[in-house]
mmCIF file of all heavy atoms, coordinates in Angstrom:
data_MODEL
# 
_entry.id   MODEL 
# 
loop_
_atom_site.group_PDB 
_atom_site.id 
_atom_site.type_symbol 
_atom_site.label_atom_id 
_atom_site.label_alt_id 
_atom_site.label_comp_id 
_atom_site.label_asym_id 
_atom_site.label_entity_id 
_atom_site.label_seq_id 
_atom_site.pdbx_PDB_ins_code 
_atom_site.Cartn_x 
_atom_site.Cartn_y 
_atom_site.Cartn_z 
_atom_site.occupancy 
_atom_site.B_iso_or_equiv 
_atom_site.pdbx_formal_charge 
_atom_site.auth_seq_id 
_atom_site.auth_comp_id 
_atom_site.auth_asym_id 
_atom_site.auth_atom_id 
_atom_site.pdbx_PDB_model_num 
ATOM 1   N N   . PRO A 1 1  ? -22.541 -4.768 14.072  1.00 0.00 ? 1  PRO A N   1 
ATOM 2   C CA  . PRO A 1 1  ? -21.452 -5.666 14.397  1.00 0.00 ? 1  PRO A CA  1 
ATOM 3   C C   . PRO A 1 1  ? -21.159 -6.822 13.431  1.00 0.00 ? 1  PRO A C   1 
ATOM 4   O O   . PRO A 1 1  ? -19.971 -7.165 13.306  1.00 0.00 ? 1  PRO A O   1 
ATOM 5   C CB  . PRO A 1 1  ? -22.139 -6.314 15.803  1.00 0.00 ? 1  PRO A CB  1 
ATOM 6   C CG  . PRO A 1 1  ? -23.011 -5.423 16.234  1.00 0.00 ? 1  PRO A CG  1 
ATOM 7   C CD  . PRO A 1 1  ? -23.590 -4.537 15.072  1.00 0.00 ? 1  PRO A CD  1 
ATOM 8   N N   . ASP A 1 2  ? -22.174 -7.351 12.632  1.00 0.00 ? 2  ASP A N   1 
ATOM 9   C CA  . ASP A 1 2  ? -21.884 -8.321 11.617  1.00 0.00 ? 2  ASP A CA  1 
ATOM 10  C C   . ASP A 1 2  ? -21.866 -7.783 10.241  1.00 0.00 ? 2  ASP A C   1 
ATOM 11  O O   . ASP A 1 2  ? -22.143 -8.494 9.216   1.00 0.00 ? 2  ASP A O   1 
ATOM 12  C CB  . ASP A 1 2  ? -22.841 -9.511 11.806  1.00 0.00 ? 2  ASP A CB  1 
ATOM 13  C CG  . ASP A 1 2  ? -24.307 -9.003 11.515  1.00 0.00 ? 2  ASP A CG  1 
ATOM 14  O OD1 . ASP A 1 2  ? -24.531 -7.788 11.490  1.00 0.00 ? 2  ASP A OD1 1 
ATOM 15  O OD2 . ASP A 1 2  ? -25.097 -9.953 11.321  1.00 0.00 ? 2  ASP A OD2 1 
ATOM 16  N N   . GLY A 1 3  ? -21.639 -6.486 10.128  1.00 0.00 ? 3  GLY A N   1 
ATOM 17  C CA  . GLY A 1 3  ? -21.711 -5.795 8.846   1.00 0.00 ? 3  GLY A CA  1 
ATOM 18  C C   . GLY A 1 3  ? -20.414 -5.928 8.097   1.00 0.00 ? 3  GLY A C   1 
ATOM 19  O O   . GLY A 1 3  ? -19.526 -6.804 8.443   1.00 0.00 ? 3  GLY A O   1 
ATOM 20  N N   . LEU A 1 4  ? -20.208 -5.097 7.051   1.00 0.00 ? 4  LEU A N   1 
ATOM 21  C CA  . LEU A 1 4  ? -19.000 -5.106 6.244   1.00 0.00 ? 4  LEU A CA  1 
ATOM 22  C C   . LEU A 1 4  ? -18.309 -3.732 6.463   1.00 0.00 ? 4  LEU A C   1 
ATOM 23  O O   . LEU A 1 4  ? -18.827 -2.695 6.284   1.00 0.00 ? 4  LEU A O   1 
ATOM 24  C CB  . LEU A 1 4  ? -19.393 -5.201 4.847   1.00 0.00 ? 4  LEU A CB  1 
ATOM 25  C CG  . LEU A 1 4  ? -18.270 -5.225 3.666   1.00 0.00 ? 4  LEU A CG  1 
ATOM 26  C CD1 . LEU A 1 4  ? -17.443 -6.515 3.786   1.00 0.00 ? 4  LEU A CD1 1 
ATOM 27  C CD2 . LEU A 1 4  ? -18.761 -5.014 2.342   1.00 0.00 ? 4  LEU A CD2 1 
ATOM 28  N N   . GLY A 1 5  ? -16.977 -3.856 6.785   1.00 0.00 ? 5  GLY A N   1 
ATOM 29  C CA  . GLY A 1 5  ? -16.061 -2.771 6.928   1.00 0.00 ? 5  GLY A CA  1 
ATOM 30  C C   . GLY A 1 5  ? -14.965 -2.820 5.931   1.00 0.00 ? 5  GLY A C   1 
ATOM 31  O O   . GLY A 1 5  ? -14.848 -3.804 5.224   1.00 0.00 ? 5  GLY A O   1 
ATOM 32  N N   . VAL A 1 6  ? -14.287 -1.745 5.804   1.00 0.00 ? 6  VAL A N   1 
ATOM 33  C CA  . VAL A 1 6  ? -13.179 -1.642 4.767   1.00 0.00 ? 6  VAL A CA  1 
ATOM 34  C C   . VAL A 1 6  ? -11.915 -1.179 5.495   1.00 0.00 ? 6  VAL A C   1 
ATOM 35  O O   . VAL A 1 6  ? -11.919 -0.195 6.260   1.00 0.00 ? 6  VAL A O   1 
ATOM 36  C CB  . VAL A 1 6  ? -13.510 -0.667 3.607   1.00 0.00 ? 6  VAL A CB  1 
ATOM 37  C CG1 . VAL A 1 6  ? -12.433 -0.565 2.603   1.00 0.00 ? 6  VAL A CG1 1 
ATOM 38  C CG2 . VAL A 1 6  ? -14.828 -0.986 2.996   1.00 0.00 ? 6  VAL A CG2 1 
ATOM 39  N N   . ILE A 1 7  ? -10.868 -1.908 5.220   1.00 0.00 ? 7  ILE A N   1 
ATOM 40  C CA  . ILE A 1 7  ? -9.429  -1.606 5.786   1.00 0.00 ? 7  ILE A CA  1 
ATOM 41  C C   . ILE A 1 7  ? -8.619  -1.109 4.631   1.00 0.00 ? 7  ILE A C   1 
ATOM 42  O O   . ILE A 1 7  ? -8.402  -1.889 3.674   1.00 0.00 ? 7  ILE A O   1 
ATOM 43  C CB  . ILE A 1 7  ? -8.838  -2.837 6.415   1.00 0.00 ? 7  ILE A CB  1 
ATOM 44  C CG1 . ILE A 1 7  ? -9.761  -3.242 7.599   1.00 0.00 ? 7  ILE A CG1 1 
ATOM 45  C CG2 . ILE A 1 7  ? -7.408  -2.406 6.923   1.00 0.00 ? 7  ILE A CG2 1 
ATOM 46  C CD1 . ILE A 1 7  ? -9.168  -4.528 8.177   1.00 0.00 ? 7  ILE A CD1 1 
ATOM 47  N N   . VAL A 1 8  ? -8.312  0.093  4.574   1.00 0.00 ? 8  VAL A N   1 
ATOM 48  C CA  . VAL A 1 8  ? -7.486  0.684  3.565   1.00 0.00 ? 8  VAL A CA  1 
ATOM 49  C C   . VAL A 1 8  ? -5.915  0.777  3.953   1.00 0.00 ? 8  VAL A C   1 
ATOM 50  O O   . VAL A 1 8  ? -5.678  1.237  4.985   1.00 0.00 ? 8  VAL A O   1 
ATOM 51  C CB  . VAL A 1 8  ? -7.960  2.138  3.170   1.00 0.00 ? 8  VAL A CB  1 
ATOM 52  C CG1 . VAL A 1 8  ? -6.913  2.852  2.313   1.00 0.00 ? 8  VAL A CG1 1 
ATOM 53  C CG2 . VAL A 1 8  ? -9.245  2.075  2.478   1.00 0.00 ? 8  VAL A CG2 1 
ATOM 54  N N   . LEU A 1 9  ? -5.062  0.179  3.178   1.00 0.00 ? 9  LEU A N   1 
ATOM 55  C CA  . LEU A 1 9  ? -3.664  0.036  3.439   1.00 0.00 ? 9  LEU A CA  1 
ATOM 56  C C   . LEU A 1 9  ? -2.798  0.981  2.464   1.00 0.00 ? 9  LEU A C   1 
ATOM 57  O O   . LEU A 1 9  ? -3.286  1.161  1.442   1.00 0.00 ? 9  LEU A O   1 
ATOM 58  C CB  . LEU A 1 9  ? -3.217  -1.366 3.418   1.00 0.00 ? 9  LEU A CB  1 
ATOM 59  C CG  . LEU A 1 9  ? -3.826  -2.360 4.407   1.00 0.00 ? 9  LEU A CG  1 
ATOM 60  C CD1 . LEU A 1 9  ? -3.374  -3.756 4.035   1.00 0.00 ? 9  LEU A CD1 1 
ATOM 61  C CD2 . LEU A 1 9  ? -3.570  -1.999 5.806   1.00 0.00 ? 9  LEU A CD2 1 
ATOM 62  N N   . ASP A 1 10 ? -1.718  1.400  2.963   1.00 0.00 ? 10 ASP A N   1 
ATOM 63  C CA  . ASP A 1 10 ? -0.682  1.931  2.070   1.00 0.00 ? 10 ASP A CA  1 
ATOM 64  C C   . ASP A 1 10 ? 0.327   0.846  1.772   1.00 0.00 ? 10 ASP A C   1 
ATOM 65  O O   . ASP A 1 10 ? 1.054   0.375  2.699   1.00 0.00 ? 10 ASP A O   1 
ATOM 66  C CB  . ASP A 1 10 ? 0.020   3.132  2.713   1.00 0.00 ? 10 ASP A CB  1 
ATOM 67  C CG  . ASP A 1 10 ? 1.309   3.630  1.964   1.00 0.00 ? 10 ASP A CG  1 
ATOM 68  O OD1 . ASP A 1 10 ? 1.280   3.462  0.714   1.00 0.00 ? 10 ASP A OD1 1 
ATOM 69  O OD2 . ASP A 1 10 ? 2.141   4.058  2.581   1.00 0.00 ? 10 ASP A OD2 1 
ATOM 70  N N   . SER A 1 11 ? 0.439   0.440  0.604   1.00 0.00 ? 11 SER A N   1 
ATOM 71  C CA  . SER A 1 11 ? 1.328   -0.738 0.136   1.00 0.00 ? 11 SER A CA  1 
ATOM 72  C C   . SER A 1 11 ? 2.577   -0.348 -0.575  1.00 0.00 ? 11 SER A C   1 
ATOM 73  O O   . SER A 1 11 ? 3.169   -1.072 -1.208  1.00 0.00 ? 11 SER A O   1 
ATOM 74  C CB  . SER A 1 11 ? 0.618   -1.836 -0.563  1.00 0.00 ? 11 SER A CB  1 
ATOM 75  O OG  . SER A 1 11 ? -0.036  -1.308 -1.797  1.00 0.00 ? 11 SER A OG  1 
ATOM 76  N N   . ASN A 1 12 ? 2.880   0.989  -0.553  1.00 0.00 ? 12 ASN A N   1 
ATOM 77  C CA  . ASN A 1 12 ? 4.028   1.480  -1.334  1.00 0.00 ? 12 ASN A CA  1 
ATOM 78  C C   . ASN A 1 12 ? 5.356   1.554  -0.574  1.00 0.00 ? 12 ASN A C   1 
ATOM 79  O O   . ASN A 1 12 ? 5.358   1.997  0.553   1.00 0.00 ? 12 ASN A O   1 
ATOM 80  C CB  . ASN A 1 12 ? 3.652   3.042  -1.829  1.00 0.00 ? 12 ASN A CB  1 
ATOM 81  C CG  . ASN A 1 12 ? 2.494   3.073  -2.752  1.00 0.00 ? 12 ASN A CG  1 
ATOM 82  O OD1 . ASN A 1 12 ? 2.592   2.688  -3.863  1.00 0.00 ? 12 ASN A OD1 1 
ATOM 83  N ND2 . ASN A 1 12 ? 1.237   3.488  -2.235  1.00 0.00 ? 12 ASN A ND2 1 
ATOM 84  N N   . ALA A 1 13 ? 6.280   0.996  -1.198  1.00 0.00 ? 13 ALA A N   1 
ATOM 85  C CA  . ALA A 1 13 ? 7.606   0.905  -0.534  1.00 0.00 ? 13 ALA A CA  1 
ATOM 86  C C   . ALA A 1 13 ? 8.222   2.437  -0.602  1.00 0.00 ? 13 ALA A C   1 
ATOM 87  O O   . ALA A 1 13 ? 7.905   3.163  -1.446  1.00 0.00 ? 13 ALA A O   1 
ATOM 88  C CB  . ALA A 1 13 ? 8.615   0.039  -1.244  1.00 0.00 ? 13 ALA A CB  1 
ATOM 89  N N   . GLU A 1 14 ? 9.171   2.629  0.365   1.00 0.00 ? 14 GLU A N   1 
ATOM 90  C CA  . GLU A 1 14 ? 9.851   3.933  0.321   1.00 0.00 ? 14 GLU A CA  1 
ATOM 91  C C   . GLU A 1 14 ? 10.978  3.905  -0.739  1.00 0.00 ? 14 GLU A C   1 
ATOM 92  O O   . GLU A 1 14 ? 12.074  3.374  -0.457  1.00 0.00 ? 14 GLU A O   1 
ATOM 93  C CB  . GLU A 1 14 ? 10.424  4.232  1.746   1.00 0.00 ? 14 GLU A CB  1 
ATOM 94  C CG  . GLU A 1 14 ? 10.957  5.530  1.959   1.00 0.00 ? 14 GLU A CG  1 
ATOM 95  C CD  . GLU A 1 14 ? 9.873   6.632  2.208   1.00 0.00 ? 14 GLU A CD  1 
ATOM 96  O OE1 . GLU A 1 14 ? 8.717   6.297  2.463   1.00 0.00 ? 14 GLU A OE1 1 
ATOM 97  O OE2 . GLU A 1 14 ? 10.185  7.862  2.145   1.00 0.00 ? 14 GLU A OE2 1 
ATOM 98  N N   . THR A 1 15 ? 10.701  4.578  -1.853  1.00 0.00 ? 15 THR A N   1 
ATOM 99  C CA  . THR A 1 15 ? 11.662  4.678  -2.928  1.00 0.00 ? 15 THR A CA  1 
ATOM 100 C C   . THR A 1 15 ? 11.841  6.083  -3.320  1.00 0.00 ? 15 THR A C   1 
ATOM 101 O O   . THR A 1 15 ? 11.057  6.938  -3.069  1.00 0.00 ? 15 THR A O   1 
ATOM 102 C CB  . THR A 1 15 ? 11.287  3.868  -4.176  1.00 0.00 ? 15 THR A CB  1 
ATOM 103 O OG1 . THR A 1 15 ? 10.154  4.434  -4.796  1.00 0.00 ? 15 THR A OG1 1 
ATOM 104 C CG2 . THR A 1 15 ? 10.910  2.419  -3.809  1.00 0.00 ? 15 THR A CG2 1 
ATOM 105 N N   . HIS A 1 16 ? 13.003  6.351  -3.956  1.00 0.00 ? 16 HIS A N   1 
ATOM 106 C CA  . HIS A 1 16 ? 13.324  7.703  -4.272  1.00 0.00 ? 16 HIS A CA  1 
ATOM 107 C C   . HIS A 1 16 ? 13.721  7.791  -5.826  1.00 0.00 ? 16 HIS A C   1 
ATOM 108 O O   . HIS A 1 16 ? 14.163  8.772  -6.284  1.00 0.00 ? 16 HIS A O   1 
ATOM 109 C CB  . HIS A 1 16 ? 14.525  8.169  -3.463  1.00 0.00 ? 16 HIS A CB  1 
ATOM 110 C CG  . HIS A 1 16 ? 14.328  8.204  -2.023  1.00 0.00 ? 16 HIS A CG  1 
ATOM 111 N ND1 . HIS A 1 16 ? 13.656  9.143  -1.313  1.00 0.00 ? 16 HIS A ND1 1 
ATOM 112 C CD2 . HIS A 1 16 ? 14.753  7.196  -1.039  1.00 0.00 ? 16 HIS A CD2 1 
ATOM 113 C CE1 . HIS A 1 16 ? 13.619  8.875  -0.083  1.00 0.00 ? 16 HIS A CE1 1 
ATOM 114 N NE2 . HIS A 1 16 ? 14.218  7.624  0.180   1.00 0.00 ? 16 HIS A NE2 1 
ATOM 115 N N   . PHE A 1 17 ? 13.419  6.748  -6.535  1.00 0.00 ? 17 PHE A N   1 
ATOM 116 C CA  . PHE A 1 17 ? 13.825  6.589  -7.900  1.00 0.00 ? 17 PHE A CA  1 
ATOM 117 C C   . PHE A 1 17 ? 12.659  6.151  -8.795  1.00 0.00 ? 17 PHE A C   1 
ATOM 118 O O   . PHE A 1 17 ? 11.990  5.159  -8.541  1.00 0.00 ? 17 PHE A O   1 
ATOM 119 C CB  . PHE A 1 17 ? 14.969  5.493  -7.908  1.00 0.00 ? 17 PHE A CB  1 
ATOM 120 C CG  . PHE A 1 17 ? 15.848  5.514  -9.089  1.00 0.00 ? 17 PHE A CG  1 
ATOM 121 C CD1 . PHE A 1 17 ? 15.848  6.569  -10.010 1.00 0.00 ? 17 PHE A CD1 1 
ATOM 122 C CD2 . PHE A 1 17 ? 16.659  4.451  -9.379  1.00 0.00 ? 17 PHE A CD2 1 
ATOM 123 C CE1 . PHE A 1 17 ? 16.629  6.579  -11.152 1.00 0.00 ? 17 PHE A CE1 1 
ATOM 124 C CE2 . PHE A 1 17 ? 17.538  4.423  -10.479 1.00 0.00 ? 17 PHE A CE2 1 
ATOM 125 C CZ  . PHE A 1 17 ? 17.561  5.464  -11.297 1.00 0.00 ? 17 PHE A CZ  1 
ATOM 126 N N   . SER A 1 18 ? 12.394  6.876  -9.872  1.00 0.00 ? 18 SER A N   1 
ATOM 127 C CA  . SER A 1 18 ? 11.215  6.628  -10.666 1.00 0.00 ? 18 SER A CA  1 
ATOM 128 C C   . SER A 1 18 ? 11.275  5.114  -11.210 1.00 0.00 ? 18 SER A C   1 
ATOM 129 O O   . SER A 1 18 ? 10.304  4.451  -11.428 1.00 0.00 ? 18 SER A O   1 
ATOM 130 C CB  . SER A 1 18 ? 11.146  7.592  -11.908 1.00 0.00 ? 18 SER A CB  1 
ATOM 131 O OG  . SER A 1 18 ? 10.480  8.780  -11.552 1.00 0.00 ? 18 SER A OG  1 
ATOM 132 N N   . PHE A 1 19 ? 12.537  4.649  -11.508 1.00 0.00 ? 19 PHE A N   1 
ATOM 133 C CA  . PHE A 1 19 ? 12.773  3.373  -12.159 1.00 0.00 ? 19 PHE A CA  1 
ATOM 134 C C   . PHE A 1 19 ? 12.301  2.214  -11.207 1.00 0.00 ? 19 PHE A C   1 
ATOM 135 O O   . PHE A 1 19 ? 12.001  1.137  -11.595 1.00 0.00 ? 19 PHE A O   1 
ATOM 136 C CB  . PHE A 1 19 ? 14.078  3.155  -12.624 1.00 0.00 ? 19 PHE A CB  1 
ATOM 137 C CG  . PHE A 1 19 ? 14.334  2.102  -13.731 1.00 0.00 ? 19 PHE A CG  1 
ATOM 138 C CD1 . PHE A 1 19 ? 13.638  2.231  -14.988 1.00 0.00 ? 19 PHE A CD1 1 
ATOM 139 C CD2 . PHE A 1 19 ? 15.035  0.952  -13.436 1.00 0.00 ? 19 PHE A CD2 1 
ATOM 140 C CE1 . PHE A 1 19 ? 13.845  1.261  -15.876 1.00 0.00 ? 19 PHE A CE1 1 
ATOM 141 C CE2 . PHE A 1 19 ? 15.203  -0.006 -14.410 1.00 0.00 ? 19 PHE A CE2 1 
ATOM 142 C CZ  . PHE A 1 19 ? 14.521  0.168  -15.655 1.00 0.00 ? 19 PHE A CZ  1 
ATOM 143 N N   . THR A 1 20 ? 12.343  2.553  -9.865  1.00 0.00 ? 20 THR A N   1 
ATOM 144 C CA  . THR A 1 20 ? 11.934  1.443  -8.967  1.00 0.00 ? 20 THR A CA  1 
ATOM 145 C C   . THR A 1 20 ? 10.695  1.811  -8.183  1.00 0.00 ? 20 THR A C   1 
ATOM 146 O O   . THR A 1 20 ? 10.380  1.353  -7.123  1.00 0.00 ? 20 THR A O   1 
ATOM 147 C CB  . THR A 1 20 ? 13.070  1.257  -7.823  1.00 0.00 ? 20 THR A CB  1 
ATOM 148 O OG1 . THR A 1 20 ? 13.222  2.626  -7.269  1.00 0.00 ? 20 THR A OG1 1 
ATOM 149 C CG2 . THR A 1 20 ? 14.355  0.797  -8.504  1.00 0.00 ? 20 THR A CG2 1 
ATOM 150 N N   . ASN A 1 21 ? 9.718   2.638  -8.838  1.00 0.00 ? 21 ASN A N   1 
ATOM 151 C CA  . ASN A 1 21 ? 8.591   3.165  -8.159  1.00 0.00 ? 21 ASN A CA  1 
ATOM 152 C C   . ASN A 1 21 ? 7.528   2.026  -7.866  1.00 0.00 ? 21 ASN A C   1 
ATOM 153 O O   . ASN A 1 21 ? 6.697   2.230  -7.022  1.00 0.00 ? 21 ASN A O   1 
ATOM 154 C CB  . ASN A 1 21 ? 7.973   4.278  -8.993  1.00 0.00 ? 21 ASN A CB  1 
ATOM 155 C CG  . ASN A 1 21 ? 7.274   3.715  -10.240 1.00 0.00 ? 21 ASN A CG  1 
ATOM 156 O OD1 . ASN A 1 21 ? 6.070   3.286  -10.112 1.00 0.00 ? 21 ASN A OD1 1 
ATOM 157 N ND2 . ASN A 1 21 ? 7.937   3.709  -11.347 1.00 0.00 ? 21 ASN A ND2 1 
ATOM 158 N N   . ALA A 1 22 ? 7.601   0.855  -8.558  1.00 0.00 ? 22 ALA A N   1 
ATOM 159 C CA  . ALA A 1 22 ? 6.520   -0.081 -8.475  1.00 0.00 ? 22 ALA A CA  1 
ATOM 160 C C   . ALA A 1 22 ? 6.623   -0.991 -7.233  1.00 0.00 ? 22 ALA A C   1 
ATOM 161 O O   . ALA A 1 22 ? 5.694   -1.724 -6.911  1.00 0.00 ? 22 ALA A O   1 
ATOM 162 C CB  . ALA A 1 22 ? 6.484   -0.900 -9.709  1.00 0.00 ? 22 ALA A CB  1 
ATOM 163 N N   . LEU A 1 23 ? 7.795   -0.974 -6.496  1.00 0.00 ? 23 LEU A N   1 
ATOM 164 C CA  . LEU A 1 23 ? 7.916   -1.874 -5.424  1.00 0.00 ? 23 LEU A CA  1 
ATOM 165 C C   . LEU A 1 23 ? 6.855   -1.576 -4.291  1.00 0.00 ? 23 LEU A C   1 
ATOM 166 O O   . LEU A 1 23 ? 6.505   -0.430 -3.984  1.00 0.00 ? 23 LEU A O   1 
ATOM 167 C CB  . LEU A 1 23 ? 9.309   -1.812 -4.873  1.00 0.00 ? 23 LEU A CB  1 
ATOM 168 C CG  . LEU A 1 23 ? 10.435  -2.356 -5.728  1.00 0.00 ? 23 LEU A CG  1 
ATOM 169 C CD1 . LEU A 1 23 ? 11.790  -2.079 -5.059  1.00 0.00 ? 23 LEU A CD1 1 
ATOM 170 C CD2 . LEU A 1 23 ? 10.274  -3.870 -5.851  1.00 0.00 ? 23 LEU A CD2 1 
ATOM 171 N N   . GLY A 1 24 ? 6.414   -2.691 -3.647  1.00 0.00 ? 24 GLY A N   1 
ATOM 172 C CA  . GLY A 1 24 ? 5.403   -2.491 -2.576  1.00 0.00 ? 24 GLY A CA  1 
ATOM 173 C C   . GLY A 1 24 ? 5.872   -3.148 -1.305  1.00 0.00 ? 24 GLY A C   1 
ATOM 174 O O   . GLY A 1 24 ? 6.688   -4.037 -1.238  1.00 0.00 ? 24 GLY A O   1 
ATOM 175 N N   . MET A 1 25 ? 5.232   -2.633 -0.150  1.00 0.00 ? 25 MET A N   1 
ATOM 176 C CA  . MET A 1 25 ? 5.531   -3.124 1.184   1.00 0.00 ? 25 MET A CA  1 
ATOM 177 C C   . MET A 1 25 ? 4.411   -2.776 2.174   1.00 0.00 ? 25 MET A C   1 
ATOM 178 O O   . MET A 1 25 ? 3.864   -1.651 2.053   1.00 0.00 ? 25 MET A O   1 
ATOM 179 C CB  . MET A 1 25 ? 6.865   -2.601 1.635   1.00 0.00 ? 25 MET A CB  1 
ATOM 180 C CG  . MET A 1 25 ? 7.272   -3.225 2.950   1.00 0.00 ? 25 MET A CG  1 
ATOM 181 S SD  . MET A 1 25 ? 8.575   -2.117 3.802   1.00 0.00 ? 25 MET A SD  1 
ATOM 182 C CE  . MET A 1 25 ? 7.635   -1.135 4.814   1.00 0.00 ? 25 MET A CE  1 
ATOM 183 N N   . VAL A 1 26 ? 4.011   -3.674 2.970   1.00 0.00 ? 26 VAL A N   1 
ATOM 184 C CA  . VAL A 1 26 ? 3.041   -3.336 4.095   1.00 0.00 ? 26 VAL A CA  1 
ATOM 185 C C   . VAL A 1 26 ? 3.783   -3.415 5.359   1.00 0.00 ? 26 VAL A C   1 
ATOM 186 O O   . VAL A 1 26 ? 4.415   -4.471 5.696   1.00 0.00 ? 26 VAL A O   1 
ATOM 187 C CB  . VAL A 1 26 ? 1.794   -4.327 4.100   1.00 0.00 ? 26 VAL A CB  1 
ATOM 188 C CG1 . VAL A 1 26 ? 0.946   -3.954 5.217   1.00 0.00 ? 26 VAL A CG1 1 
ATOM 189 C CG2 . VAL A 1 26 ? 0.992   -4.217 2.764   1.00 0.00 ? 26 VAL A CG2 1 
# 
């Protein structure tokens, strides 16, 4: 109960263009 857990998120925005690939969103 008082241990350490990990929450893994996907922070990638929905893009369709290589030039804008770096944008992020949660």
